[in-house]
Amino acid sequence: MLTTEQVRERLKARMEEAGGATAWGRANRISPSYLGDVVKGRRTPGAAVLRPLGLVRLEHVYAEAPVQEGVA
């Protein structure tokens, strides 16, 4: 399992290997502006970005929060 930040780091590494966002985006038919938004955290990585990275998005996971005394 990866965090969103780890996906962003993987994306940045792949873009660097390809020679930049424009080159990686062109090879994967993704606009450099969308890639920039994903890397900067303005957008979450969608299927278009995840697929070339060999990743899929799973559903969110929820957990019980610990009960804090005095908090309603």
N, C-alpha and C. Protein backbone atom coordinates (compact mmCIF):
# COMPACT_ATOMS: atom_id res chain seq x y z
N MET A 1 0.84 -1.18 0.00
CA MET A 1 0.00 0.00 0.00
C MET A 1 0.89 1.24 0.00
N LEU A 2 0.48 2.23 -0.75
CA LEU A 2 1.22 3.49 -0.83
C LEU A 2 0.33 4.63 -0.38
N THR A 3 0.94 5.63 0.20
CA THR A 3 0.21 6.86 0.50
C THR A 3 0.16 7.71 -0.77
N THR A 4 -0.69 8.70 -0.77
CA THR A 4 -0.75 9.61 -1.91
C THR A 4 0.59 10.29 -2.11
N GLU A 5 1.26 10.65 -1.03
CA GLU A 5 2.57 11.29 -1.15
C GLU A 5 3.59 10.34 -1.78
N GLN A 6 3.53 9.07 -1.46
CA GLN A 6 4.44 8.11 -2.07
C GLN A 6 4.16 7.96 -3.57
N VAL A 7 2.89 8.02 -3.95
CA VAL A 7 2.54 7.98 -5.37
C VAL A 7 3.11 9.21 -6.06
N ARG A 8 2.98 10.37 -5.43
CA ARG A 8 3.54 11.60 -6.01
C ARG A 8 5.06 11.48 -6.18
N GLU A 9 5.73 10.92 -5.20
CA GLU A 9 7.18 10.74 -5.29
C GLU A 9 7.54 9.79 -6.43
N ARG A 10 6.78 8.72 -6.58
CA ARG A 10 7.01 7.78 -7.68
C ARG A 10 6.79 8.47 -9.02
N LEU A 11 5.74 9.27 -9.11
CA LEU A 11 5.46 10.01 -10.33
C LEU A 11 6.61 10.96 -10.65
N LYS A 12 7.07 11.70 -9.65
CA LYS A 12 8.19 12.63 -9.88
C LYS A 12 9.43 11.89 -10.38
N ALA A 13 9.71 10.74 -9.81
CA ALA A 13 10.87 9.96 -10.23
C ALA A 13 10.72 9.49 -11.68
N ARG A 14 9.55 9.01 -12.04
CA ARG A 14 9.32 8.55 -13.41
C ARG A 14 9.41 9.70 -14.40
N MET A 15 8.88 10.86 -14.02
CA MET A 15 8.96 12.02 -14.91
C MET A 15 10.41 12.42 -15.11
N GLU A 16 11.19 12.40 -14.03
CA GLU A 16 12.61 12.75 -14.12
C GLU A 16 13.35 11.78 -15.03
N GLU A 17 13.08 10.48 -14.88
CA GLU A 17 13.70 9.46 -15.73
C GLU A 17 13.37 9.67 -17.20
N ALA A 18 12.15 10.17 -17.46
CA ALA A 18 11.69 10.38 -18.84
C ALA A 18 12.20 11.69 -19.43
N GLY A 19 12.79 12.54 -18.60
CA GLY A 19 13.27 13.82 -19.10
C GLY A 19 12.36 14.98 -18.77
N GLY A 20 11.40 14.76 -17.89
CA GLY A 20 10.52 15.85 -17.45
C GLY A 20 9.06 15.52 -17.64
N ALA A 21 8.22 16.42 -17.12
CA ALA A 21 6.77 16.22 -17.16
C ALA A 21 6.24 16.20 -18.58
N THR A 22 6.79 17.06 -19.44
CA THR A 22 6.32 17.11 -20.82
C THR A 22 6.57 15.79 -21.53
N ALA A 23 7.78 15.25 -21.38
CA ALA A 23 8.12 13.99 -22.04
C ALA A 23 7.29 12.83 -21.49
N TRP A 24 7.19 12.74 -20.17
CA TRP A 24 6.42 11.64 -19.57
C TRP A 24 4.94 11.78 -19.92
N GLY A 25 4.45 13.01 -19.85
CA GLY A 25 3.05 13.25 -20.19
C GLY A 25 2.75 12.90 -21.64
N ARG A 26 3.63 13.29 -22.54
CA ARG A 26 3.43 12.99 -23.96
C ARG A 26 3.40 11.47 -24.17
N ALA A 27 4.33 10.77 -23.54
CA ALA A 27 4.40 9.31 -23.70
C ALA A 27 3.15 8.62 -23.15
N ASN A 28 2.50 9.25 -22.19
CA ASN A 28 1.33 8.63 -21.55
C ASN A 28 0.03 9.38 -21.81
N ARG A 29 0.09 10.34 -22.74
CA ARG A 29 -1.09 11.12 -23.14
C ARG A 29 -1.76 11.83 -21.97
N ILE A 30 -0.92 12.50 -21.17
CA ILE A 30 -1.39 13.26 -20.02
C ILE A 30 -0.78 14.65 -20.11
N SER A 31 -1.59 15.68 -19.87
CA SER A 31 -1.08 17.05 -19.99
C SER A 31 -0.10 17.37 -18.87
N PRO A 32 0.95 18.11 -19.19
CA PRO A 32 1.91 18.52 -18.16
C PRO A 32 1.27 19.35 -17.05
N SER A 33 0.23 20.12 -17.38
CA SER A 33 -0.42 20.93 -16.34
C SER A 33 -1.14 20.03 -15.33
N TYR A 34 -1.78 18.97 -15.80
CA TYR A 34 -2.42 18.02 -14.90
C TYR A 34 -1.37 17.34 -14.02
N LEU A 35 -0.26 16.94 -14.62
CA LEU A 35 0.82 16.32 -13.85
C LEU A 35 1.34 17.26 -12.79
N GLY A 36 1.50 18.53 -13.14
CA GLY A 36 1.96 19.53 -12.16
C GLY A 36 0.99 19.66 -11.01
N ASP A 37 -0.31 19.65 -11.32
CA ASP A 37 -1.33 19.73 -10.26
C ASP A 37 -1.26 18.52 -9.33
N VAL A 38 -1.02 17.34 -9.90
CA VAL A 38 -0.92 16.13 -9.08
C VAL A 38 0.32 16.21 -8.19
N VAL A 39 1.45 16.57 -8.76
CA VAL A 39 2.70 16.63 -8.00
C VAL A 39 2.62 17.66 -6.88
N LYS A 40 1.94 18.78 -7.14
CA LYS A 40 1.84 19.85 -6.13
C LYS A 40 0.71 19.62 -5.13
N GLY A 41 -0.06 18.54 -5.30
CA GLY A 41 -1.11 18.21 -4.35
C GLY A 41 -2.42 18.93 -4.58
N ARG A 42 -2.56 19.61 -5.71
CA ARG A 42 -3.83 20.29 -6.00
C ARG A 42 -4.88 19.32 -6.52
N ARG A 43 -4.43 18.18 -7.05
CA ARG A 43 -5.34 17.15 -7.54
C ARG A 43 -4.81 15.79 -7.09
N THR A 44 -5.73 14.86 -6.92
CA THR A 44 -5.30 13.51 -6.57
C THR A 44 -4.96 12.75 -7.85
N PRO A 45 -4.05 11.81 -7.78
CA PRO A 45 -3.70 11.05 -8.98
C PRO A 45 -4.88 10.20 -9.44
N GLY A 46 -5.28 10.39 -10.67
CA GLY A 46 -6.37 9.61 -11.24
C GLY A 46 -5.84 8.41 -12.02
N ALA A 47 -6.75 7.68 -12.62
CA ALA A 47 -6.40 6.46 -13.36
C ALA A 47 -5.39 6.73 -14.47
N ALA A 48 -5.49 7.88 -15.13
CA ALA A 48 -4.57 8.20 -16.22
C ALA A 48 -3.13 8.26 -15.74
N VAL A 49 -2.92 8.70 -14.51
CA VAL A 49 -1.57 8.77 -13.92
C VAL A 49 -1.20 7.42 -13.30
N LEU A 50 -2.14 6.81 -12.62
CA LEU A 50 -1.85 5.56 -11.91
C LEU A 50 -1.52 4.41 -12.85
N ARG A 51 -2.24 4.31 -13.94
CA ARG A 51 -2.06 3.18 -14.87
C ARG A 51 -0.62 3.07 -15.35
N PRO A 52 -0.01 4.14 -15.88
CA PRO A 52 1.38 4.01 -16.33
C PRO A 52 2.38 3.75 -15.20
N LEU A 53 1.98 4.04 -13.97
CA LEU A 53 2.84 3.76 -12.82
C LEU A 53 2.65 2.33 -12.32
N GLY A 54 1.70 1.61 -12.94
CA GLY A 54 1.43 0.24 -12.52
C GLY A 54 0.64 0.16 -11.23
N LEU A 55 -0.18 1.19 -10.98
CA LEU A 55 -0.93 1.27 -9.73
C LEU A 55 -2.43 1.34 -10.01
N VAL A 56 -3.22 0.99 -9.01
CA VAL A 56 -4.66 1.19 -9.04
C VAL A 56 -5.06 1.87 -7.74
N ARG A 57 -6.17 2.57 -7.77
CA ARG A 57 -6.66 3.25 -6.58
C ARG A 57 -7.65 2.35 -5.87
N LEU A 58 -7.47 2.20 -4.57
CA LEU A 58 -8.39 1.41 -3.76
C LEU A 58 -9.34 2.35 -3.04
N GLU A 59 -10.42 1.81 -2.53
CA GLU A 59 -11.37 2.61 -1.77
C GLU A 59 -10.73 3.11 -0.49
N HIS A 60 -11.27 4.19 0.02
CA HIS A 60 -10.78 4.73 1.29
C HIS A 60 -11.08 3.73 2.41
N VAL A 61 -10.24 3.73 3.40
CA VAL A 61 -10.39 2.85 4.56
C VAL A 61 -10.71 3.72 5.76
N TYR A 62 -11.65 3.27 6.58
CA TYR A 62 -12.05 4.01 7.76
C TYR A 62 -11.76 3.18 9.00
N ALA A 63 -11.44 3.85 10.09
CA ALA A 63 -11.15 3.16 11.35
C ALA A 63 -11.79 3.93 12.49
N GLU A 64 -12.08 3.22 13.56
CA GLU A 64 -12.62 3.86 14.76
C GLU A 64 -11.56 4.76 15.36
N ALA A 65 -11.95 5.96 15.72
CA ALA A 65 -11.04 6.88 16.40
C ALA A 65 -11.02 6.54 17.88
N PRO A 66 -9.87 6.68 18.51
CA PRO A 66 -9.85 6.45 19.95
C PRO A 66 -10.72 7.47 20.67
N VAL A 67 -11.41 7.01 21.69
CA VAL A 67 -12.29 7.90 22.45
C VAL A 67 -11.44 8.78 23.35
N GLN A 68 -11.70 10.09 23.30
CA GLN A 68 -10.97 11.03 24.15
C GLN A 68 -11.93 11.52 25.22
N GLU A 69 -11.49 11.46 26.44
CA GLU A 69 -12.34 11.89 27.55
C GLU A 69 -12.59 13.38 27.46
N GLY A 70 -13.83 13.78 27.70
CA GLY A 70 -14.19 15.19 27.71
C GLY A 70 -14.47 15.77 26.33
N VAL A 71 -14.41 14.93 25.30
CA VAL A 71 -14.69 15.40 23.94
C VAL A 71 -15.97 14.74 23.48
N ALA A 72 -16.90 15.56 23.02
CA ALA A 72 -18.20 15.03 22.60
C ALA A 72 -18.15 14.55 21.18
